[in-house]
Amino acid sequence: MKGQTQFGKKGKLAPRHIGPFEVLKKISLVAYWIALPSEMEQVYNVFHISILRGYAWGPSHVIDYQRLVIDEDLEYEERLIQIIDHQVKQLKNKAIPMVKLEEV
């Protein structure tokens, strides 16, 4: 299947990074066993270190792991949210806008 990812989406809808997930065990210098949710049970849960990204935890950083579910006919349920706070993180050569959201 050309162009299809192992996560069921292809093209622009394919996720680049998903997670964060807990590292259960370091298998070797370059392989890690990851705790994946039950809906990803078809994915082999041992990953090479080059695929993984570090997670910098902060007390104000909350990740909501509710996935956006898109039906076969490309419909989804909309939810109202409100912006609580926003800031711009300045790196050397680019600015990253960050927002904190709350479901209404």
PDB file of N, CA and C in Angstrom:
ATOM      1  N   MET A   1       0.844  -1.177   0.000  1.00  0.00           N
ATOM      2  CA  MET A   1       0.000   0.000   0.000  1.00  0.00           C
ATOM      3  C   MET A   1       0.888   1.238   0.000  1.00  0.00           C
ATOM      4  N   LYS A   2       1.052   1.816  -1.123  1.00  0.00           N
ATOM      5  CA  LYS A   2       1.924   2.967  -1.258  1.00  0.00           C
ATOM      6  C   LYS A   2       1.290   4.200  -0.632  1.00  0.00           C
ATOM      7  N   GLY A   3       2.047   4.914   0.192  1.00  0.00           N
ATOM      8  CA  GLY A   3       1.595   6.157   0.786  1.00  0.00           C
ATOM      9  C   GLY A   3       0.777   6.014   2.044  1.00  0.00           C
ATOM     10  N   GLN A   4       0.540   4.808   2.506  1.00  0.00           N
ATOM     11  CA  GLN A   4      -0.268   4.624   3.718  1.00  0.00           C
ATOM     12  C   GLN A   4       0.643   4.365   4.912  1.00  0.00           C
ATOM     13  N   THR A   5       0.311   4.950   6.039  1.00  0.00           N
ATOM     14  CA  THR A   5       1.099   4.753   7.240  1.00  0.00           C
ATOM     15  C   THR A   5       0.541   3.590   8.034  1.00  0.00           C
ATOM     16  N   GLN A   6       1.272   3.146   9.010  1.00  0.00           N
ATOM     17  CA  GLN A   6       0.806   2.048   9.841  1.00  0.00           C
ATOM     18  C   GLN A   6      -0.263   2.487  10.828  1.00  0.00           C
ATOM     19  N   PHE A   7      -0.560   3.780  10.929  1.00  0.00           N
ATOM     20  CA  PHE A   7      -1.565   4.274  11.863  1.00  0.00           C
ATOM     21  C   PHE A   7      -2.907   4.521  11.189  1.00  0.00           C
ATOM     22  N   GLY A   8      -3.085   4.084   9.947  1.00  0.00           N
ATOM     23  CA  GLY A   8      -4.387   4.134   9.308  1.00  0.00           C
ATOM     24  C   GLY A   8      -4.695   5.404   8.544  1.00  0.00           C
ATOM     25  N   LYS A   9      -3.872   6.401   8.569  1.00  0.00           N
ATOM     26  CA  LYS A   9      -4.104   7.640   7.829  1.00  0.00           C
ATOM     27  C   LYS A   9      -3.026   7.768   6.765  1.00  0.00           C
ATOM     28  N   LYS A  10      -3.340   8.487   5.700  1.00  0.00           N
ATOM     29  CA  LYS A  10      -2.336   8.705   4.676  1.00  0.00           C
ATOM     30  C   LYS A  10      -2.346  10.164   4.251  1.00  0.00           C
ATOM     31  N   GLY A  11      -1.271  10.605   3.659  1.00  0.00           N
ATOM     32  CA  GLY A  11      -1.182  11.973   3.175  1.00  0.00           C
ATOM     33  C   GLY A  11      -1.064  12.985   4.297  1.00  0.00           C
ATOM     34  N   LYS A  12      -1.772  14.099   4.158  1.00  0.00           N
ATOM     35  CA  LYS A  12      -1.669  15.196   5.116  1.00  0.00           C
ATOM     36  C   LYS A  12      -2.258  14.864   6.481  1.00  0.00           C
ATOM     37  N   LEU A  13      -3.174  13.895   6.552  1.00  0.00           N
ATOM     38  CA  LEU A  13      -3.799  13.537   7.822  1.00  0.00           C
ATOM     39  C   LEU A  13      -2.956  12.578   8.649  1.00  0.00           C
ATOM     40  N   ALA A  14      -1.859  12.087   8.103  1.00  0.00           N
ATOM     41  CA  ALA A  14      -1.013  11.136   8.821  1.00  0.00           C
ATOM     42  C   ALA A  14      -0.291  11.843   9.966  1.00  0.00           C
ATOM     43  N   PRO A  15      -0.357  11.293  11.175  1.00  0.00           N
ATOM     44  CA  PRO A  15       0.322  11.938  12.307  1.00  0.00           C
ATOM     45  C   PRO A  15       1.832  11.786  12.211  1.00  0.00           C
ATOM     46  N   ARG A  16       2.558  12.860  12.475  1.00  0.00           N
ATOM     47  CA  ARG A  16       4.013  12.787  12.484  1.00  0.00           C
ATOM     48  C   ARG A  16       4.505  12.242  13.814  1.00  0.00           C
ATOM     49  N   HIS A  17       3.953  12.751  14.889  1.00  0.00           N
ATOM     50  CA  HIS A  17       4.328  12.309  16.233  1.00  0.00           C
ATOM     51  C   HIS A  17       3.060  12.071  17.020  1.00  0.00           C
ATOM     52  N   ILE A  18       3.032  10.983  17.757  1.00  0.00           N
ATOM     53  CA  ILE A  18       1.904  10.701  18.630  1.00  0.00           C
ATOM     54  C   ILE A  18       2.454  10.430  20.016  1.00  0.00           C
ATOM     55  N   GLY A  19       1.637  10.581  21.008  1.00  0.00           N
ATOM     56  CA  GLY A  19       2.117  10.296  22.356  1.00  0.00           C
ATOM     57  C   GLY A  19       1.887  11.478  23.259  1.00  0.00           C
ATOM     58  N   PRO A  20       2.456  11.563  24.394  1.00  0.00           N
ATOM     59  CA  PRO A  20       3.571  10.784  24.929  1.00  0.00           C
ATOM     60  C   PRO A  20       3.118   9.436  25.479  1.00  0.00           C
ATOM     61  N   PHE A  21       4.024   8.485  25.429  1.00  0.00           N
ATOM     62  CA  PHE A  21       3.787   7.168  25.980  1.00  0.00           C
ATOM     63  C   PHE A  21       4.910   6.815  26.938  1.00  0.00           C
ATOM     64  N   GLU A  22       4.593   5.964  27.888  1.00  0.00           N
ATOM     65  CA  GLU A  22       5.565   5.564  28.897  1.00  0.00           C
ATOM     66  C   GLU A  22       6.546   4.543  28.316  1.00  0.00           C
ATOM     67  N   VAL A  23       7.832   4.729  28.630  1.00  0.00           N
ATOM     68  CA  VAL A  23       8.848   3.759  28.250  1.00  0.00           C
ATOM     69  C   VAL A  23       8.851   2.676  29.325  1.00  0.00           C
ATOM     70  N   LEU A  24       8.519   1.454  28.928  1.00  0.00           N
ATOM     71  CA  LEU A  24       8.443   0.348  29.877  1.00  0.00           C
ATOM     72  C   LEU A  24       9.807  -0.266  30.162  1.00  0.00           C
ATOM     73  N   LYS A  25      10.624  -0.380  29.107  1.00  0.00           N
ATOM     74  CA  LYS A  25      11.899  -1.070  29.278  1.00  0.00           C
ATOM     75  C   LYS A  25      12.864  -0.663  28.178  1.00  0.00           C
ATOM     76  N   LYS A  26      14.121  -0.501  28.546  1.00  0.00           N
ATOM     77  CA  LYS A  26      15.178  -0.273  27.566  1.00  0.00           C
ATOM     78  C   LYS A  26      15.698  -1.651  27.166  1.00  0.00           C
ATOM     79  N   ILE A  27      15.460  -2.052  25.935  1.00  0.00           N
ATOM     80  CA  ILE A  27      15.819  -3.390  25.482  1.00  0.00           C
ATOM     81  C   ILE A  27      17.297  -3.480  25.115  1.00  0.00           C
ATOM     82  N   SER A  28      17.804  -2.463  24.428  1.00  0.00           N
ATOM     83  CA  SER A  28      19.227  -2.411  24.074  1.00  0.00           C
ATOM     84  C   SER A  28      19.638  -0.944  24.041  1.00  0.00           C
ATOM     85  N   LEU A  29      20.816  -0.667  23.516  1.00  0.00           N
ATOM     86  CA  LEU A  29      21.259   0.726  23.427  1.00  0.00           C
ATOM     87  C   LEU A  29      20.372   1.558  22.504  1.00  0.00           C
ATOM     88  N   VAL A  30      19.715   0.909  21.544  1.00  0.00           N
ATOM     89  CA  VAL A  30      18.947   1.656  20.548  1.00  0.00           C
ATOM     90  C   VAL A  30      17.487   1.234  20.449  1.00  0.00           C
ATOM     91  N   ALA A  31      16.996   0.341  21.298  1.00  0.00           N
ATOM     92  CA  ALA A  31      15.610  -0.133  21.212  1.00  0.00           C
ATOM     93  C   ALA A  31      14.902   0.031  22.554  1.00  0.00           C
ATOM     94  N   TYR A  32      13.652   0.520  22.488  1.00  0.00           N
ATOM     95  CA  TYR A  32      12.841   0.742  23.680  1.00  0.00           C
ATOM     96  C   TYR A  32      11.468   0.100  23.516  1.00  0.00           C
ATOM     97  N   TRP A  33      10.970  -0.465  24.610  1.00  0.00           N
ATOM     98  CA  TRP A  33       9.646  -1.048  24.662  1.00  0.00           C
ATOM     99  C   TRP A  33       8.710   0.009  25.227  1.00  0.00           C
ATOM    100  N   ILE A  34       7.655   0.372  24.482  1.00  0.00           N
ATOM    101  CA  ILE A  34       6.772   1.480  24.804  1.00  0.00           C
ATOM    102  C   ILE A  34       5.381   0.951  25.167  1.00  0.00           C
ATOM    103  N   ALA A  35       4.728   1.569  26.158  1.00  0.00           N
ATOM    104  CA  ALA A  35       3.352   1.223  26.531  1.00  0.00           C
ATOM    105  C   ALA A  35       2.403   1.964  25.595  1.00  0.00           C
ATOM    106  N   LEU A  36       1.756   1.236  24.708  1.00  0.00           N
ATOM    107  CA  LEU A  36       0.823   1.828  23.753  1.00  0.00           C
ATOM    108  C   LEU A  36      -0.614   1.576  24.221  1.00  0.00           C
ATOM    109  N   PRO A  37      -1.564   2.469  23.873  1.00  0.00           N
ATOM    110  CA  PRO A  37      -2.961   2.256  24.249  1.00  0.00           C
ATOM    111  C   PRO A  37      -3.564   1.066  23.498  1.00  0.00           C
ATOM    112  N   SER A  38      -4.679   0.568  23.992  1.00  0.00           N
ATOM    113  CA  SER A  38      -5.290  -0.640  23.425  1.00  0.00           C
ATOM    114  C   SER A  38      -5.734  -0.457  21.976  1.00  0.00           C
ATOM    115  N   GLU A  39      -6.095   0.761  21.564  1.00  0.00           N
ATOM    116  CA  GLU A  39      -6.508   0.955  20.169  1.00  0.00           C
ATOM    117  C   GLU A  39      -5.337   0.871  19.196  1.00  0.00           C
ATOM    118  N   MET A  40      -4.113   0.803  19.711  1.00  0.00           N
ATOM    119  CA  MET A  40      -2.934   0.647  18.858  1.00  0.00           C
ATOM    120  C   MET A  40      -2.295  -0.727  19.044  1.00  0.00           C
ATOM    121  N   GLU A  41      -3.102  -1.732  19.402  1.00  0.00           N
ATOM    122  CA  GLU A  41      -2.557  -3.049  19.684  1.00  0.00           C
ATOM    123  C   GLU A  41      -1.977  -3.742  18.448  1.00  0.00           C
ATOM    124  N   GLN A  42      -2.355  -3.299  17.242  1.00  0.00           N
ATOM    125  CA  GLN A  42      -1.822  -3.895  16.023  1.00  0.00           C
ATOM    126  C   GLN A  42      -0.412  -3.390  15.703  1.00  0.00           C
ATOM    127  N   VAL A  43       0.063  -2.376  16.409  1.00  0.00           N
ATOM    128  CA  VAL A  43       1.396  -1.810  16.191  1.00  0.00           C
ATOM    129  C   VAL A  43       2.383  -2.497  17.132  1.00  0.00           C
ATOM    130  N   TYR A  44       3.504  -2.927  16.579  1.00  0.00           N
ATOM    131  CA  TYR A  44       4.557  -3.539  17.381  1.00  0.00           C
ATOM    132  C   TYR A  44       5.118  -2.476  18.319  1.00  0.00           C
ATOM    133  N   ASN A  45       5.259  -2.769  19.608  1.00  0.00           N
ATOM    134  CA  ASN A  45       5.567  -1.744  20.602  1.00  0.00           C
ATOM    135  C   ASN A  45       7.043  -1.635  20.975  1.00  0.00           C
ATOM    136  N   VAL A  46       7.947  -2.067  20.104  1.00  0.00           N
ATOM    137  CA  VAL A  46       9.381  -1.851  20.297  1.00  0.00           C
ATOM    138  C   VAL A  46       9.837  -0.888  19.207  1.00  0.00           C
ATOM    139  N   PHE A  47      10.475   0.219  19.628  1.00  0.00           N
ATOM    140  CA  PHE A  47      10.856   1.271  18.688  1.00  0.00           C
ATOM    141  C   PHE A  47      12.350   1.570  18.769  1.00  0.00           C
ATOM    142  N   HIS A  48      12.908   1.932  17.618  1.00  0.00           N
ATOM    143  CA  HIS A  48      14.304   2.368  17.553  1.00  0.00           C
ATOM    144  C   HIS A  48      14.396   3.774  18.142  1.00  0.00           C
ATOM    145  N   ILE A  49      15.495   4.080  18.769  1.00  0.00           N
ATOM    146  CA  ILE A  49      15.675   5.363  19.441  1.00  0.00           C
ATOM    147  C   ILE A  49      15.568   6.546  18.484  1.00  0.00           C
ATOM    148  N   SER A  50      15.888   6.344  17.203  1.00  0.00           N
ATOM    149  CA  SER A  50      15.812   7.442  16.234  1.00  0.00           C
ATOM    150  C   SER A  50      14.374   7.861  15.947  1.00  0.00           C
ATOM    151  N   ILE A  51      13.415   6.995  16.222  1.00  0.00           N
ATOM    152  CA  ILE A  51      12.003   7.309  15.998  1.00  0.00           C
ATOM    153  C   ILE A  51      11.413   8.069  17.180  1.00  0.00           C
ATOM    154  N   LEU A  52      11.966   7.879  18.362  1.00  0.00           N
ATOM    155  CA  LEU A  52      11.419   8.483  19.580  1.00  0.00           C
ATOM    156  C   LEU A  52      11.891   9.925  19.753  1.00  0.00           C
ATOM    157  N   ARG A  53      11.065  10.720  20.387  1.00  0.00           N
ATOM    158  CA  ARG A  53      11.396  12.108  20.714  1.00  0.00           C
ATOM    159  C   ARG A  53      11.311  12.276  22.222  1.00  0.00           C
ATOM    160  N   GLY A  54      12.158  13.120  22.773  1.00  0.00           N
ATOM    161  CA  GLY A  54      12.124  13.374  24.207  1.00  0.00           C
ATOM    162  C   GLY A  54      10.913  14.204  24.593  1.00  0.00           C
ATOM    163  N   TYR A  55      10.479  14.065  25.813  1.00  0.00           N
ATOM    164  CA  TYR A  55       9.343  14.827  26.323  1.00  0.00           C
ATOM    165  C   TYR A  55       9.803  15.655  27.507  1.00  0.00           C
ATOM    166  N   ALA A  56       9.718  16.965  27.370  1.00  0.00           N
ATOM    167  CA  ALA A  56      10.113  17.880  28.444  1.00  0.00           C
ATOM    168  C   ALA A  56       8.859  18.235  29.239  1.00  0.00           C
ATOM    169  N   TRP A  57       8.718  17.638  30.412  1.00  0.00           N
ATOM    170  CA  TRP A  57       7.534  17.848  31.226  1.00  0.00           C
ATOM    171  C   TRP A  57       7.612  19.167  31.956  1.00  0.00           C
ATOM    172  N   GLY A  58       6.491  19.843  32.054  1.00  0.00           N
ATOM    173  CA  GLY A  58       6.377  21.069  32.830  1.00  0.00           C
ATOM    174  C   GLY A  58       5.087  21.031  33.622  1.00  0.00           C
ATOM    175  N   PRO A  59       5.015  21.693  34.782  1.00  0.00           N
ATOM    176  CA  PRO A  59       3.796  21.631  35.604  1.00  0.00           C
ATOM    177  C   PRO A  59       2.574  22.219  34.916  1.00  0.00           C
ATOM    178  N   SER A  60       2.764  23.142  33.978  1.00  0.00           N
ATOM    179  CA  SER A  60       1.623  23.740  33.285  1.00  0.00           C
ATOM    180  C   SER A  60       1.324  23.039  31.964  1.00  0.00           C
ATOM    181  N   HIS A  61       2.094  22.020  31.629  1.00  0.00           N
ATOM    182  CA  HIS A  61       1.921  21.334  30.355  1.00  0.00           C
ATOM    183  C   HIS A  61       1.011  20.124  30.547  1.00  0.00           C
ATOM    184  N   VAL A  62      -0.205  20.228  30.054  1.00  0.00           N
ATOM    185  CA  VAL A  62      -1.184  19.152  30.181  1.00  0.00           C
ATOM    186  C   VAL A  62      -1.513  18.664  28.779  1.00  0.00           C
ATOM    187  N   ILE A  63      -1.418  17.366  28.576  1.00  0.00           N
ATOM    188  CA  ILE A  63      -1.712  16.808  27.260  1.00  0.00           C
ATOM    189  C   ILE A  63      -3.033  16.067  27.333  1.00  0.00           C
ATOM    190  N   ASP A  64      -3.953  16.449  26.468  1.00  0.00           N
ATOM    191  CA  ASP A  64      -5.236  15.772  26.360  1.00  0.00           C
ATOM    192  C   ASP A  64      -5.122  14.772  25.231  1.00  0.00           C
ATOM    193  N   TYR A  65      -5.207  13.489  25.550  1.00  0.00           N
ATOM    194  CA  TYR A  65      -4.990  12.466  24.545  1.00  0.00           C
ATOM    195  C   TYR A  65      -6.292  11.980  23.915  1.00  0.00           C
ATOM    196  N   GLN A  66      -7.280  12.834  23.813  1.00  0.00           N
ATOM    197  CA  GLN A  66      -8.493  12.458  23.099  1.00  0.00           C
ATOM    198  C   GLN A  66      -8.249  12.692  21.623  1.00  0.00           C
ATOM    199  N   ARG A  67      -8.303  11.617  20.877  1.00  0.00           N
ATOM    200  CA  ARG A  67      -8.026  11.712  19.445  1.00  0.00           C
ATOM    201  C   ARG A  67      -9.218  12.318  18.703  1.00  0.00           C
ATOM    202  N   LEU A  68      -8.928  12.984  17.614  1.00  0.00           N
ATOM    203  CA  LEU A  68      -9.954  13.464  16.713  1.00  0.00           C
ATOM    204  C   LEU A  68     -10.376  12.276  15.863  1.00  0.00           C
ATOM    205  N   VAL A  69     -11.616  11.860  15.981  1.00  0.00           N
ATOM    206  CA  VAL A  69     -12.105  10.701  15.246  1.00  0.00           C
ATOM    207  C   VAL A  69     -12.769  11.184  13.966  1.00  0.00           C
ATOM    208  N   ILE A  70     -12.238  10.742  12.841  1.00  0.00           N
ATOM    209  CA  ILE A  70     -12.792  11.107  11.543  1.00  0.00           C
ATOM    210  C   ILE A  70     -13.441   9.875  10.952  1.00  0.00           C
ATOM    211  N   ASP A  71     -14.731   9.966  10.627  1.00  0.00           N
ATOM    212  CA  ASP A  71     -15.467   8.853  10.045  1.00  0.00           C
ATOM    213  C   ASP A  71     -15.019   8.613   8.608  1.00  0.00           C
ATOM    214  N   GLU A  72     -15.521   7.523   8.030  1.00  0.00           N
ATOM    215  CA  GLU A  72     -15.214   7.189   6.637  1.00  0.00           C
ATOM    216  C   GLU A  72     -15.675   8.296   5.684  1.00  0.00           C
ATOM    217  N   ASP A  73     -16.775   8.986   6.039  1.00  0.00           N
ATOM    218  CA  ASP A  73     -17.284  10.055   5.184  1.00  0.00           C
ATOM    219  C   ASP A  73     -16.680  11.415   5.547  1.00  0.00           C
ATOM    220  N   LEU A  74     -15.563  11.405   6.302  1.00  0.00           N
ATOM    221  CA  LEU A  74     -14.790  12.601   6.675  1.00  0.00           C
ATOM    222  C   LEU A  74     -15.594  13.583   7.528  1.00  0.00           C
ATOM    223  N   GLU A  75     -16.432  13.075   8.432  1.00  0.00           N
ATOM    224  CA  GLU A  75     -17.162  13.917   9.364  1.00  0.00           C
ATOM    225  C   GLU A  75     -16.581  13.738  10.759  1.00  0.00           C
ATOM    226  N   TYR A  76     -16.711  14.760  11.583  1.00  0.00           N
ATOM    227  CA  TYR A  76     -16.226  14.704  12.953  1.00  0.00           C
ATOM    228  C   TYR A  76     -17.128  15.551  13.839  1.00  0.00           C
ATOM    229  N   GLU A  77     -17.039  15.313  15.155  1.00  0.00           N
ATOM    230  CA  GLU A  77     -17.850  16.051  16.119  1.00  0.00           C
ATOM    231  C   GLU A  77     -17.083  17.278  16.587  1.00  0.00           C
ATOM    232  N   GLU A  78     -17.712  18.441  16.521  1.00  0.00           N
ATOM    233  CA  GLU A  78     -17.071  19.669  16.974  1.00  0.00           C
ATOM    234  C   GLU A  78     -17.344  19.888  18.452  1.00  0.00           C
ATOM    235  N   ARG A  79     -16.336  20.427  19.167  1.00  0.00           N
ATOM    236  CA  ARG A  79     -16.473  20.759  20.581  1.00  0.00           C
ATOM    237  C   ARG A  79     -16.067  22.208  20.775  1.00  0.00           C
ATOM    238  N   LEU A  80     -16.762  22.917  21.667  1.00  0.00           N
ATOM    239  CA  LEU A  80     -16.427  24.307  21.946  1.00  0.00           C
ATOM    240  C   LEU A  80     -15.235  24.373  22.890  1.00  0.00           C
ATOM    241  N   ILE A  81     -14.272  25.212  22.565  1.00  0.00           N
ATOM    242  CA  ILE A  81     -13.116  25.435  23.428  1.00  0.00           C
ATOM    243  C   ILE A  81     -12.896  26.931  23.579  1.00  0.00           C
ATOM    244  N   GLN A  82     -12.162  27.295  24.607  1.00  0.00           N
ATOM    245  CA  GLN A  82     -11.852  28.699  24.830  1.00  0.00           C
ATOM    246  C   GLN A  82     -10.357  28.817  25.125  1.00  0.00           C
ATOM    247  N   ILE A  83      -9.759  29.891  24.650  1.00  0.00           N
ATOM    248  CA  ILE A  83      -8.337  30.128  24.877  1.00  0.00           C
ATOM    249  C   ILE A  83      -8.167  30.775  26.241  1.00  0.00           C
ATOM    250  N   ILE A  84      -7.408  30.122  27.133  1.00  0.00           N
ATOM    251  CA  ILE A  84      -7.174  30.624  28.482  1.00  0.00           C
ATOM    252  C   ILE A  84      -5.949  31.529  28.514  1.00  0.00           C
ATOM    253  N   ASP A  85      -4.888  31.090  27.850  1.00  0.00           N
ATOM    254  CA  ASP A  85      -3.622  31.827  27.880  1.00  0.00           C
ATOM    255  C   ASP A  85      -2.891  31.586  26.568  1.00  0.00           C
ATOM    256  N   HIS A  86      -2.036  32.518  26.198  1.00  0.00           N
ATOM    257  CA  HIS A  86      -1.201  32.327  25.007  1.00  0.00           C
ATOM    258  C   HIS A  86       0.132  33.007  25.217  1.00  0.00           C
ATOM    259  N   GLN A  87       1.145  32.473  24.540  1.00  0.00           N
ATOM    260  CA  GLN A  87       2.475  33.060  24.572  1.00  0.00           C
ATOM    261  C   GLN A  87       3.211  32.658  23.301  1.00  0.00           C
ATOM    262  N   VAL A  88       4.294  33.360  23.006  1.00  0.00           N
ATOM    263  CA  VAL A  88       5.112  33.043  21.847  1.00  0.00           C
ATOM    264  C   VAL A  88       6.492  32.668  22.353  1.00  0.00           C
ATOM    265  N   LYS A  89       6.917  31.436  22.048  1.00  0.00           N
ATOM    266  CA  LYS A  89       8.240  30.969  22.451  1.00  0.00           C
ATOM    267  C   LYS A  89       9.210  31.315  21.329  1.00  0.00           C
ATOM    268  N   GLN A  90      10.219  32.087  21.635  1.00  0.00           N
ATOM    269  CA  GLN A  90      11.164  32.557  20.633  1.00  0.00           C
ATOM    270  C   GLN A  90      12.401  31.660  20.626  1.00  0.00           C
ATOM    271  N   LEU A  91      12.657  31.020  19.496  1.00  0.00           N
ATOM    272  CA  LEU A  91      13.876  30.245  19.303  1.00  0.00           C
ATOM    273  C   LEU A  91      14.870  31.111  18.533  1.00  0.00           C
ATOM    274  N   LYS A  92      15.997  30.548  18.139  1.00  0.00           N
ATOM    275  CA  LYS A  92      17.006  31.349  17.440  1.00  0.00           C
ATOM    276  C   LYS A  92      16.474  31.981  16.157  1.00  0.00           C
ATOM    277  N   ASN A  93      15.815  31.153  15.336  1.00  0.00           N
ATOM    278  CA  ASN A  93      15.404  31.686  14.037  1.00  0.00           C
ATOM    279  C   ASN A  93      13.909  31.546  13.757  1.00  0.00           C
ATOM    280  N   LYS A  94      13.111  31.191  14.752  1.00  0.00           N
ATOM    281  CA  LYS A  94      11.673  31.165  14.531  1.00  0.00           C
ATOM    282  C   LYS A  94      10.912  31.331  15.842  1.00  0.00           C
ATOM    283  N   ALA A  95       9.669  31.755  15.709  1.00  0.00           N
ATOM    284  CA  ALA A  95       8.790  31.954  16.864  1.00  0.00           C
ATOM    285  C   ALA A  95       7.703  30.884  16.825  1.00  0.00           C
ATOM    286  N   ILE A  96       7.424  30.281  17.984  1.00  0.00           N
ATOM    287  CA  ILE A  96       6.415  29.232  18.079  1.00  0.00           C
ATOM    288  C   ILE A  96       5.270  29.739  18.955  1.00  0.00           C
ATOM    289  N   PRO A  97       4.088  29.986  18.355  1.00  0.00           N
ATOM    290  CA  PRO A  97       2.950  30.417  19.168  1.00  0.00           C
ATOM    291  C   PRO A  97       2.399  29.222  19.949  1.00  0.00           C
ATOM    292  N   MET A  98       2.091  29.436  21.233  1.00  0.00           N
ATOM    293  CA  MET A  98       1.564  28.385  22.107  1.00  0.00           C
ATOM    294  C   MET A  98       0.295  28.903  22.757  1.00  0.00           C
ATOM    295  N   VAL A  99      -0.729  28.057  22.843  1.00  0.00           N
ATOM    296  CA  VAL A  99      -1.986  28.435  23.466  1.00  0.00           C
ATOM    297  C   VAL A  99      -2.389  27.382  24.487  1.00  0.00           C
ATOM    298  N   LYS A 100      -3.072  27.815  25.532  1.00  0.00           N
ATOM    299  CA  LYS A 100      -3.635  26.918  26.537  1.00  0.00           C
ATOM    300  C   LYS A 100      -5.144  26.975  26.370  1.00  0.00           C
ATOM    301  N   LEU A 101      -5.764  25.792  26.140  1.00  0.00           N
ATOM    302  CA  LEU A 101      -7.182  25.727  25.823  1.00  0.00           C
ATOM    303  C   LEU A 101      -7.965  25.061  26.934  1.00  0.00           C
ATOM    304  N   GLU A 102      -9.258  25.372  26.996  1.00  0.00           N
ATOM    305  CA  GLU A 102     -10.164  24.738  27.941  1.00  0.00           C
ATOM    306  C   GLU A 102     -11.461  24.439  27.215  1.00  0.00           C
ATOM    307  N   GLU A 103     -11.990  23.240  27.435  1.00  0.00           N
ATOM    308  CA  GLU A 103     -13.255  22.878  26.816  1.00  0.00           C
ATOM    309  C   GLU A 103     -14.390  23.557  27.566  1.00  0.00           C
ATOM    310  N   VAL A 104     -15.319  24.142  26.820  1.00  0.00           N
ATOM    311  CA  VAL A 104     -16.438  24.892  27.410  1.00  0.00           C
ATOM    312  C   VAL A 104     -17.603  23.973  27.665  1.00  0.00           C
TER     313      VAL A 104
END
